[in-house]
Amino acid sequence: MPEENLGNQCTPMLDEDQTIPKTILQEHTHELEQSINADINEEPQNPVYDTQPKLPLSGSRVLIAGSSVLKGIDPSKLKDYIDVHVHRGANVLDLYEDIRSMDLSSYNTIIIHVGGNDASSKMNVQQFVDIFQEIINFVRCQNCRAIVSGILPRIQCDVTEYNTILKQMCHYNDVKFISNYESFVYKDDHIAKSFYTTDGIHLNRYGNNKVVGKC
């Protein structure tokens, strides 16, 4: 667990008959483009969590930060204002420490994708979401918009509980949650293996294309 609560430092991703919906940037690129140089126009829905003052977003770029699930993404296929930070094997605490050490002044939106390794290691769900909350708090303290990218399904691991609590956290914080789970499973809830490498965890080129909306 982080030793300090940064929130308090702020002052005021087939078969032909199986349909898999769009995901991450494919659905949200237009929304991200609208956020470039935008202002925060709405009052926070939950004053207990959403303590960031109503200020213009800083920077004009978008950062996608996450674990090795993102390692196959080719930055050259992304919009020129989108950067990707990958920490292989990262859990939520690792990514929190990474983000804290970054200069975020050139960004106005941070997309956070982490949690699969936490679910695989059976990290306490409350500890998991508490650290995730610290990431949200810190990002907002940098005058950046936070977006949470939901955990992808993986073999021999149930990520449902972690995704559920992330959705709840996002609701309380008025943070956009991108639901990815349904995009990588069939209607019977079995994992769509055609998007994964043989380990059933990391994405192959089809899965990466699904993530970035280049399929």
C-alpha atoms as a PDB file:
ATOM      1  CA  MET A   1       0.000   0.000   0.000  1.00  0.00           C
ATOM      2  CA  PRO A   2       1.220   3.500  -0.670  1.00  0.00           C
ATOM      3  CA  GLU A   3       2.434   5.273   2.394  1.00  0.00           C
ATOM      4  CA  GLU A   4       0.777   8.537   1.524  1.00  0.00           C
ATOM      5  CA  ASN A   5      -2.636   9.577   0.302  1.00  0.00           C
ATOM      6  CA  LEU A   6      -1.979  11.882  -2.609  1.00  0.00           C
ATOM      7  CA  GLY A   7      -5.703  12.557  -2.963  1.00  0.00           C
ATOM      8  CA  ASN A   8      -5.446  14.667   0.179  1.00  0.00           C
ATOM      9  CA  GLN A   9      -2.686  16.761  -1.359  1.00  0.00           C
ATOM     10  CA  CYS A  10      -5.066  18.278  -3.923  1.00  0.00           C
ATOM     11  CA  THR A  11      -6.762  21.376  -2.760  1.00  0.00           C
ATOM     12  CA  PRO A  12      -9.862  22.200  -4.248  1.00  0.00           C
ATOM     13  CA  MET A  13     -10.228  -5.913 -26.748  1.00  0.00           C
ATOM     14  CA  LEU A  14     -14.094 -15.845 -34.564  1.00  0.00           C
ATOM     15  CA  ASP A  15     -16.498 -17.273 -35.551  1.00  0.00           C
ATOM     16  CA  GLU A  16     -18.728 -15.516 -38.075  1.00  0.00           C
ATOM     17  CA  ASP A  17     -21.812 -15.933 -35.928  1.00  0.00           C
ATOM     18  CA  GLN A  18     -20.117 -14.652 -32.784  1.00  0.00           C
ATOM     19  CA  THR A  19     -20.048 -10.911 -32.486  1.00  0.00           C
ATOM     20  CA  ILE A  20     -17.353  -9.259 -30.378  1.00  0.00           C
ATOM     21  CA  PRO A  21     -17.912  -5.550 -29.776  1.00  0.00           C
ATOM     22  CA  LYS A  22     -15.398  -2.799 -30.328  1.00  0.00           C
ATOM     23  CA  THR A  23     -13.015  -1.832 -27.574  1.00  0.00           C
ATOM     24  CA  ILE A  24     -10.673   0.769 -26.103  1.00  0.00           C
ATOM     25  CA  LEU A  25      -9.468   3.244 -28.741  1.00  0.00           C
ATOM     26  CA  GLN A  26     -11.786   1.916 -31.465  1.00  0.00           C
ATOM     27  CA  GLU A  27     -14.801   3.219 -29.567  1.00  0.00           C
ATOM     28  CA  HIS A  28     -13.199   6.133 -27.797  1.00  0.00           C
ATOM     29  CA  THR A  29     -10.767   7.768 -30.250  1.00  0.00           C
ATOM     30  CA  HIS A  30     -13.307  10.446 -31.135  1.00  0.00           C
ATOM     31  CA  GLU A  31     -13.958  11.092 -27.477  1.00  0.00           C
ATOM     32  CA  LEU A  32     -10.227  11.381 -26.793  1.00  0.00           C
ATOM     33  CA  GLU A  33      -9.818  13.807 -29.676  1.00  0.00           C
ATOM     34  CA  GLN A  34     -12.554  15.988 -28.188  1.00  0.00           C
ATOM     35  CA  SER A  35     -10.721  15.988 -24.877  1.00  0.00           C
ATOM     36  CA  ILE A  36      -7.557  17.506 -26.350  1.00  0.00           C
ATOM     37  CA  ASN A  37      -7.225  21.016 -24.964  1.00  0.00           C
ATOM     38  CA  ALA A  38     -10.699  20.703 -23.420  1.00  0.00           C
ATOM     39  CA  ASP A  39     -11.854  22.036 -20.078  1.00  0.00           C
ATOM     40  CA  ILE A  40     -13.465  20.187 -17.226  1.00  0.00           C
ATOM     41  CA  ASN A  41     -17.033  21.396 -17.665  1.00  0.00           C
ATOM     42  CA  GLU A  42     -19.063  19.357 -15.204  1.00  0.00           C
ATOM     43  CA  GLU A  43     -19.236  19.532 -11.466  1.00  0.00           C
ATOM     44  CA  PRO A  44     -17.986  16.374  -9.711  1.00  0.00           C
ATOM     45  CA  GLN A  45     -20.697  13.858  -8.854  1.00  0.00           C
ATOM     46  CA  ASN A  46     -19.069  12.714  -5.640  1.00  0.00           C
ATOM     47  CA  PRO A  47     -17.318  15.403  -3.572  1.00  0.00           C
ATOM     48  CA  VAL A  48     -15.739  12.826  -1.248  1.00  0.00           C
ATOM     49  CA  TYR A  49     -13.581  11.368  -4.027  1.00  0.00           C
ATOM     50  CA  ASP A  50     -13.639  14.009  -6.728  1.00  0.00           C
ATOM     51  CA  THR A  51     -11.657  16.784  -5.075  1.00  0.00           C
ATOM     52  CA  GLN A  52      -9.900  18.094  -8.175  1.00  0.00           C
ATOM     53  CA  PRO A  53     -10.599  21.801  -8.769  1.00  0.00           C
ATOM     54  CA  LYS A  54     -12.339  22.890 -11.957  1.00  0.00           C
ATOM     55  CA  LEU A  55      -9.255  23.783 -13.999  1.00  0.00           C
ATOM     56  CA  PRO A  56      -8.250  23.423 -17.664  1.00  0.00           C
ATOM     57  CA  LEU A  57      -6.644  20.093 -18.520  1.00  0.00           C
ATOM     58  CA  SER A  58      -2.880  20.332 -18.868  1.00  0.00           C
ATOM     59  CA  GLY A  59      -0.984  19.298 -22.000  1.00  0.00           C
ATOM     60  CA  SER A  60      -2.375  18.069 -25.308  1.00  0.00           C
ATOM     61  CA  ARG A  61      -1.333  14.393 -25.455  1.00  0.00           C
ATOM     62  CA  VAL A  62      -2.774  11.049 -24.367  1.00  0.00           C
ATOM     63  CA  LEU A  63      -0.833   8.412 -22.431  1.00  0.00           C
ATOM     64  CA  ILE A  64      -1.807   4.744 -22.264  1.00  0.00           C
ATOM     65  CA  ALA A  65      -0.033   3.207 -19.282  1.00  0.00           C
ATOM     66  CA  GLY A  66      -0.239  -0.448 -18.356  1.00  0.00           C
ATOM     67  CA  SER A  67       1.231  -3.901 -17.947  1.00  0.00           C
ATOM     68  CA  SER A  68       2.682  -6.242 -20.593  1.00  0.00           C
ATOM     69  CA  VAL A  69      -0.793  -6.875 -22.023  1.00  0.00           C
ATOM     70  CA  LEU A  70      -0.038  -3.724 -24.002  1.00  0.00           C
ATOM     71  CA  LYS A  71       3.470  -4.742 -25.098  1.00  0.00           C
ATOM     72  CA  GLY A  72       2.453  -5.703 -28.660  1.00  0.00           C
ATOM     73  CA  ILE A  73       0.957  -2.327 -29.485  1.00  0.00           C
ATOM     74  CA  ASP A  74       2.802  -0.611 -32.309  1.00  0.00           C
ATOM     75  CA  PRO A  75       2.975   3.099 -31.453  1.00  0.00           C
ATOM     76  CA  SER A  76       3.343   3.936 -35.154  1.00  0.00           C
ATOM     77  CA  LYS A  77      -0.233   2.721 -35.709  1.00  0.00           C
ATOM     78  CA  LEU A  78      -1.659   5.085 -33.130  1.00  0.00           C
ATOM     79  CA  LYS A  79      -2.632   8.706 -33.475  1.00  0.00           C
ATOM     80  CA  ASP A  80       0.453  10.885 -33.299  1.00  0.00           C
ATOM     81  CA  TYR A  81      -0.633  12.408 -29.993  1.00  0.00           C
ATOM     82  CA  ILE A  82      -0.883   9.032 -28.200  1.00  0.00           C
ATOM     83  CA  ASP A  83       2.035   7.548 -26.248  1.00  0.00           C
ATOM     84  CA  VAL A  84       2.266   4.084 -24.676  1.00  0.00           C
ATOM     85  CA  HIS A  85       4.078   3.165 -21.464  1.00  0.00           C
ATOM     86  CA  VAL A  86       4.464  -0.576 -20.785  1.00  0.00           C
ATOM     87  CA  HIS A  87       5.759  -2.100 -17.557  1.00  0.00           C
ATOM     88  CA  ARG A  88       6.096  -5.860 -18.088  1.00  0.00           C
ATOM     89  CA  GLY A  89       4.754  -7.890 -15.199  1.00  0.00           C
ATOM     90  CA  ALA A  90       3.409  -4.811 -13.461  1.00  0.00           C
ATOM     91  CA  ASN A  91       0.762  -4.953 -10.797  1.00  0.00           C
ATOM     92  CA  VAL A  92      -1.252  -1.940  -9.731  1.00  0.00           C
ATOM     93  CA  LEU A  93       1.367  -0.765  -7.240  1.00  0.00           C
ATOM     94  CA  ASP A  94       4.150  -0.987  -9.843  1.00  0.00           C
ATOM     95  CA  LEU A  95       2.166   1.148 -12.254  1.00  0.00           C
ATOM     96  CA  TYR A  96       1.299   3.618  -9.519  1.00  0.00           C
ATOM     97  CA  GLU A  97       4.990   4.108  -8.810  1.00  0.00           C
ATOM     98  CA  ASP A  98       5.718   4.475 -12.539  1.00  0.00           C
ATOM     99  CA  ILE A  99       3.085   7.164 -12.982  1.00  0.00           C
ATOM    100  CA  ARG A 100       4.249   9.037  -9.892  1.00  0.00           C
ATOM    101  CA  SER A 101       7.760   9.221 -11.377  1.00  0.00           C
ATOM    102  CA  MET A 102       6.605  10.569 -14.765  1.00  0.00           C
ATOM    103  CA  ASP A 103       6.446  14.123 -16.008  1.00  0.00           C
ATOM    104  CA  LEU A 104       2.782  14.322 -17.008  1.00  0.00           C
ATOM    105  CA  SER A 105       2.825  17.979 -17.986  1.00  0.00           C
ATOM    106  CA  SER A 106       2.440  17.222 -21.720  1.00  0.00           C
ATOM    107  CA  TYR A 107      -0.647  15.024 -21.199  1.00  0.00           C
ATOM    108  CA  ASN A 108      -4.281  15.846 -20.685  1.00  0.00           C
ATOM    109  CA  THR A 109      -5.581  12.250 -20.576  1.00  0.00           C
ATOM    110  CA  ILE A 110      -4.132   9.122 -18.957  1.00  0.00           C
ATOM    111  CA  ILE A 111      -5.644   5.722 -19.848  1.00  0.00           C
ATOM    112  CA  ILE A 112      -4.782   3.210 -17.122  1.00  0.00           C
ATOM    113  CA  HIS A 113      -4.732  -0.499 -17.971  1.00  0.00           C
ATOM    114  CA  VAL A 114      -3.582  -2.753 -15.169  1.00  0.00           C
ATOM    115  CA  GLY A 115      -4.978  -5.478 -12.905  1.00  0.00           C
ATOM    116  CA  GLY A 116      -4.554  -8.821 -14.652  1.00  0.00           C
ATOM    117  CA  ASN A 117      -1.439  -9.666 -12.685  1.00  0.00           C
ATOM    118  CA  ASP A 118      -3.140  -8.611  -9.471  1.00  0.00           C
ATOM    119  CA  ALA A 119      -6.060 -10.950 -10.215  1.00  0.00           C
ATOM    120  CA  SER A 120      -3.701 -13.823 -11.094  1.00  0.00           C
ATOM    121  CA  SER A 121      -1.840 -13.379  -7.831  1.00  0.00           C
ATOM    122  CA  LYS A 122      -5.161 -13.105  -5.952  1.00  0.00           C
ATOM    123  CA  MET A 123      -4.303  -9.759  -4.458  1.00  0.00           C
ATOM    124  CA  ASN A 124      -6.798  -8.592  -1.891  1.00  0.00           C
ATOM    125  CA  VAL A 125      -9.507  -6.820  -3.884  1.00  0.00           C
ATOM    126  CA  GLN A 126      -9.867  -3.946  -1.428  1.00  0.00           C
ATOM    127  CA  GLN A 127      -6.131  -3.311  -1.378  1.00  0.00           C
ATOM    128  CA  PHE A 128      -6.187  -3.425  -5.190  1.00  0.00           C
ATOM    129  CA  VAL A 129      -8.865  -0.779  -5.517  1.00  0.00           C
ATOM    130  CA  ASP A 130      -7.347   1.379  -2.774  1.00  0.00           C
ATOM    131  CA  ILE A 131      -4.098   1.639  -4.743  1.00  0.00           C
ATOM    132  CA  PHE A 132      -6.031   2.234  -7.952  1.00  0.00           C
ATOM    133  CA  GLN A 133      -7.798   5.082  -6.184  1.00  0.00           C
ATOM    134  CA  GLU A 134      -4.421   6.610  -5.395  1.00  0.00           C
ATOM    135  CA  ILE A 135      -3.537   6.497  -9.106  1.00  0.00           C
ATOM    136  CA  ILE A 136      -6.742   8.346  -9.953  1.00  0.00           C
ATOM    137  CA  ASN A 137      -6.073  10.921  -7.252  1.00  0.00           C
ATOM    138  CA  PHE A 138      -2.527  11.510  -8.437  1.00  0.00           C
ATOM    139  CA  VAL A 139      -3.492  11.839 -12.105  1.00  0.00           C
ATOM    140  CA  ARG A 140      -6.122  14.405 -11.202  1.00  0.00           C
ATOM    141  CA  CYS A 141      -3.646  16.307  -9.107  1.00  0.00           C
ATOM    142  CA  GLN A 142      -1.667  16.773 -12.328  1.00  0.00           C
ATOM    143  CA  ASN A 143      -4.716  18.354 -13.995  1.00  0.00           C
ATOM    144  CA  CYS A 144      -5.123  15.269 -16.202  1.00  0.00           C
ATOM    145  CA  ARG A 145      -8.248  13.323 -17.039  1.00  0.00           C
ATOM    146  CA  ALA A 146      -8.145   9.674 -15.906  1.00  0.00           C
ATOM    147  CA  ILE A 147      -9.747   6.844 -17.914  1.00  0.00           C
ATOM    148  CA  VAL A 148      -9.764   3.265 -16.584  1.00  0.00           C
ATOM    149  CA  SER A 149      -9.443   0.450 -19.115  1.00  0.00           C
ATOM    150  CA  GLY A 150     -11.040  -2.698 -17.727  1.00  0.00           C
ATOM    151  CA  ILE A 151      -9.106  -5.910 -17.160  1.00  0.00           C
ATOM    152  CA  LEU A 152      -9.045  -8.351 -20.076  1.00  0.00           C
ATOM    153  CA  PRO A 153     -10.106 -11.966 -19.490  1.00  0.00           C
ATOM    154  CA  ARG A 154      -7.289 -14.496 -19.121  1.00  0.00           C
ATOM    155  CA  ILE A 155      -7.121 -18.268 -18.798  1.00  0.00           C
ATOM    156  CA  GLN A 156      -7.291 -19.891 -15.361  1.00  0.00           C
ATOM    157  CA  CYS A 157      -8.113 -16.577 -13.741  1.00  0.00           C
ATOM    158  CA  ASP A 158     -11.406 -14.939 -12.878  1.00  0.00           C
ATOM    159  CA  VAL A 159     -11.077 -11.184 -13.211  1.00  0.00           C
ATOM    160  CA  THR A 160     -14.776 -10.461 -12.693  1.00  0.00           C
ATOM    161  CA  GLU A 161     -14.529  -9.327  -9.076  1.00  0.00           C
ATOM    162  CA  TYR A 162     -11.698  -6.944  -9.889  1.00  0.00           C
ATOM    163  CA  ASN A 163     -13.553  -5.447 -12.846  1.00  0.00           C
ATOM    164  CA  THR A 164     -16.679  -5.047 -10.743  1.00  0.00           C
ATOM    165  CA  ILE A 165     -14.930  -3.081  -8.041  1.00  0.00           C
ATOM    166  CA  LEU A 166     -13.134  -0.964 -10.654  1.00  0.00           C
ATOM    167  CA  LYS A 167     -16.501  -0.067 -12.179  1.00  0.00           C
ATOM    168  CA  GLN A 168     -17.774   0.947  -8.760  1.00  0.00           C
ATOM    169  CA  MET A 169     -14.726   3.063  -8.081  1.00  0.00           C
ATOM    170  CA  CYS A 170     -15.095   4.773 -11.449  1.00  0.00           C
ATOM    171  CA  HIS A 171     -18.750   5.495 -10.762  1.00  0.00           C
ATOM    172  CA  TYR A 172     -17.946   7.123  -7.423  1.00  0.00           C
ATOM    173  CA  ASN A 173     -15.177   9.173  -9.014  1.00  0.00           C
ATOM    174  CA  ASP A 174     -17.073  10.150 -12.160  1.00  0.00           C
ATOM    175  CA  VAL A 175     -14.301   8.464 -14.187  1.00  0.00           C
ATOM    176  CA  LYS A 176     -14.823   6.855 -17.592  1.00  0.00           C
ATOM    177  CA  PHE A 177     -14.594   3.035 -17.435  1.00  0.00           C
ATOM    178  CA  ILE A 178     -13.887   1.164 -20.689  1.00  0.00           C
ATOM    179  CA  SER A 179     -15.356  -2.325 -20.439  1.00  0.00           C
ATOM    180  CA  ASN A 180     -13.088  -4.688 -22.389  1.00  0.00           C
ATOM    181  CA  TYR A 181     -14.106  -8.067 -21.014  1.00  0.00           C
ATOM    182  CA  GLU A 182     -17.040  -8.657 -23.373  1.00  0.00           C
ATOM    183  CA  SER A 183     -14.850  -7.836 -26.376  1.00  0.00           C
ATOM    184  CA  PHE A 184     -12.608 -10.829 -25.714  1.00  0.00           C
ATOM    185  CA  VAL A 185     -15.111 -13.530 -24.819  1.00  0.00           C
ATOM    186  CA  TYR A 186     -17.822 -15.335 -26.779  1.00  0.00           C
ATOM    187  CA  LYS A 187     -21.470 -15.207 -25.864  1.00  0.00           C
ATOM    188  CA  ASP A 188     -20.985 -18.315 -23.695  1.00  0.00           C
ATOM    189  CA  ASP A 189     -18.308 -16.394 -21.716  1.00  0.00           C
ATOM    190  CA  HIS A 190     -15.459 -18.572 -23.033  1.00  0.00           C
ATOM    191  CA  ILE A 191     -12.298 -16.668 -23.853  1.00  0.00           C
ATOM    192  CA  ALA A 192     -11.797 -15.800 -27.536  1.00  0.00           C
ATOM    193  CA  LYS A 193      -8.429 -17.554 -27.920  1.00  0.00           C
ATOM    194  CA  SER A 194      -7.964 -16.217 -31.461  1.00  0.00           C
ATOM    195  CA  PHE A 195      -6.945 -12.899 -29.885  1.00  0.00           C
ATOM    196  CA  TYR A 196      -4.302 -14.387 -27.559  1.00  0.00           C
ATOM    197  CA  THR A 197      -0.886 -15.953 -27.698  1.00  0.00           C
ATOM    198  CA  THR A 198      -0.519 -19.530 -26.482  1.00  0.00           C
ATOM    199  CA  ASP A 199      -0.232 -18.422 -22.865  1.00  0.00           C
ATOM    200  CA  GLY A 200      -3.836 -17.178 -22.869  1.00  0.00           C
ATOM    201  CA  ILE A 201      -2.722 -13.959 -21.203  1.00  0.00           C
ATOM    202  CA  HIS A 202      -0.910 -11.786 -23.715  1.00  0.00           C
ATOM    203  CA  LEU A 203      -2.433 -10.598 -26.964  1.00  0.00           C
ATOM    204  CA  ASN A 204      -1.358 -11.652 -30.448  1.00  0.00           C
ATOM    205  CA  ARG A 205      -1.445  -9.238 -33.365  1.00  0.00           C
ATOM    206  CA  TYR A 206      -5.182  -9.724 -33.797  1.00  0.00           C
ATOM    207  CA  GLY A 207      -5.762  -8.929 -30.149  1.00  0.00           C
ATOM    208  CA  ASN A 208      -3.514  -5.901 -30.303  1.00  0.00           C
ATOM    209  CA  ASN A 209      -5.370  -4.704 -33.393  1.00  0.00           C
ATOM    210  CA  LYS A 210      -8.585  -5.186 -31.485  1.00  0.00           C
ATOM    211  CA  VAL A 211      -7.309  -3.040 -28.664  1.00  0.00           C
ATOM    212  CA  VAL A 212      -6.185  -0.157 -30.811  1.00  0.00           C
ATOM    213  CA  GLY A 213      -9.088  -0.369 -33.269  1.00  0.00           C
ATOM    214  CA  LYS A 214      -6.945  -1.202 -36.304  1.00  0.00           C
ATOM    215  CA  CYS A 215      -8.601  -4.492 -37.216  1.00  0.00           C
END
